[in-house]
Amino acid sequence: MKKVMLMAVAILFSAVTVFATNTTNTVSDTTKTKKVKPAKVQYTCTMHPEVLSDKPGKCPKCGMTLVKKEPAKKKTEPMKMKM
């Protein structure tokens, strides 16, 4: 009787191990398929933010050097607690 129980536990442990190793591989495969597009760099005048250019240069309105425009940061909303 002890041998039968020992064999049953060994088979159950083996089955759990096989299923556990197969599920972790599918998660890592889905993360590799995401592609990130590089952000488009734009240049702007500090005095005239409406002036935009794809390359560095001078502002056509005032002649100041154009600076790299930083991407707009997403505003985070405060967390709402449910009661």
Protein backbone atom coordinates (compact mmCIF):
# COMPACT_ATOMS: atom_id res chain seq x y z
CA MET A 1 0.00 0.00 0.00
CA LYS A 2 2.87 2.40 0.81
CA LYS A 3 4.45 1.73 -2.60
CA VAL A 4 1.21 2.58 -4.39
CA MET A 5 0.85 5.87 -2.49
CA LEU A 6 4.51 6.74 -3.12
CA MET A 7 4.09 6.07 -6.87
CA ALA A 8 0.90 8.16 -6.99
CA VAL A 9 2.63 11.11 -5.29
CA ALA A 10 5.63 10.81 -7.64
CA ILE A 11 3.39 10.79 -10.73
CA LEU A 12 1.36 13.75 -9.43
CA PHE A 13 4.55 15.71 -8.69
CA SER A 14 5.91 14.97 -12.18
CA ALA A 15 2.68 16.08 -13.84
CA VAL A 16 2.58 19.35 -11.87
CA THR A 17 6.21 20.06 -12.76
CA VAL A 18 5.58 19.51 -16.48
CA PHE A 19 2.53 21.78 -16.55
CA ALA A 20 4.27 24.49 -14.51
CA THR A 21 7.24 24.67 -16.89
CA ASN A 22 5.00 24.90 -19.97
CA THR A 23 2.94 27.84 -18.68
CA THR A 24 5.95 30.08 -17.93
CA ASN A 25 7.27 29.84 -21.51
CA THR A 26 4.06 31.19 -23.06
CA VAL A 27 4.23 34.37 -20.97
CA SER A 28 7.76 35.22 -22.08
CA ASP A 29 6.90 34.68 -25.77
CA THR A 30 4.14 37.32 -25.71
CA THR A 31 6.44 40.00 -24.32
CA LYS A 32 8.85 39.65 -27.25
CA THR A 33 6.19 40.54 -29.86
CA LYS A 34 5.69 44.15 -28.70
CA LYS A 35 7.38 46.76 -30.86
CA VAL A 36 8.08 50.28 -29.62
CA LYS A 37 8.20 53.12 -32.13
CA PRO A 38 10.89 55.71 -31.49
CA ALA A 39 9.54 59.15 -30.68
CA LYS A 40 9.78 61.77 -33.43
CA VAL A 41 12.20 64.53 -32.41
CA GLN A 42 10.95 68.08 -32.89
CA TYR A 43 12.67 71.41 -32.28
CA THR A 44 10.94 74.57 -31.10
CA CYS A 45 11.71 78.15 -30.18
CA THR A 46 11.59 79.06 -26.50
CA MET A 47 10.02 82.43 -27.32
CA HIS A 48 7.63 81.11 -29.99
CA PRO A 49 6.38 77.59 -29.05
CA GLU A 50 4.18 77.47 -32.16
CA VAL A 51 7.33 77.26 -34.33
CA LEU A 52 8.14 73.56 -34.89
CA SER A 53 10.90 71.98 -36.97
CA ASP A 54 12.18 68.45 -37.65
CA LYS A 55 15.81 69.60 -37.48
CA PRO A 56 17.79 72.10 -35.38
CA GLY A 57 18.23 75.61 -36.71
CA LYS A 58 17.15 79.20 -36.11
CA CYS A 59 13.67 80.55 -35.37
CA PRO A 60 12.27 82.35 -38.44
CA LYS A 61 10.59 84.97 -36.22
CA CYS A 62 13.36 86.00 -33.82
CA GLY A 63 16.52 84.16 -34.92
CA MET A 64 16.99 82.26 -31.62
CA THR A 65 18.40 78.73 -31.72
CA LEU A 66 15.72 76.03 -31.75
CA VAL A 67 15.81 73.57 -28.84
CA LYS A 68 14.67 69.98 -28.61
CA LYS A 69 11.01 69.74 -27.64
CA GLU A 70 10.39 67.43 -24.70
CA PRO A 71 7.48 65.00 -25.07
CA ALA A 72 4.42 65.94 -23.04
CA LYS A 73 4.25 64.06 -19.77
CA LYS A 74 1.06 62.22 -18.97
CA LYS A 75 -0.78 63.67 -16.04
CA THR A 76 -1.51 61.12 -13.36
CA GLU A 77 -4.87 61.27 -11.71
CA PRO A 78 -5.12 60.79 -7.97
CA MET A 79 -6.22 57.34 -6.92
CA LYS A 80 -9.88 57.12 -5.91
CA MET A 81 -10.73 54.88 -3.00
CA LYS A 82 -13.96 52.90 -3.06
CA MET A 83 -15.80 52.39 0.16
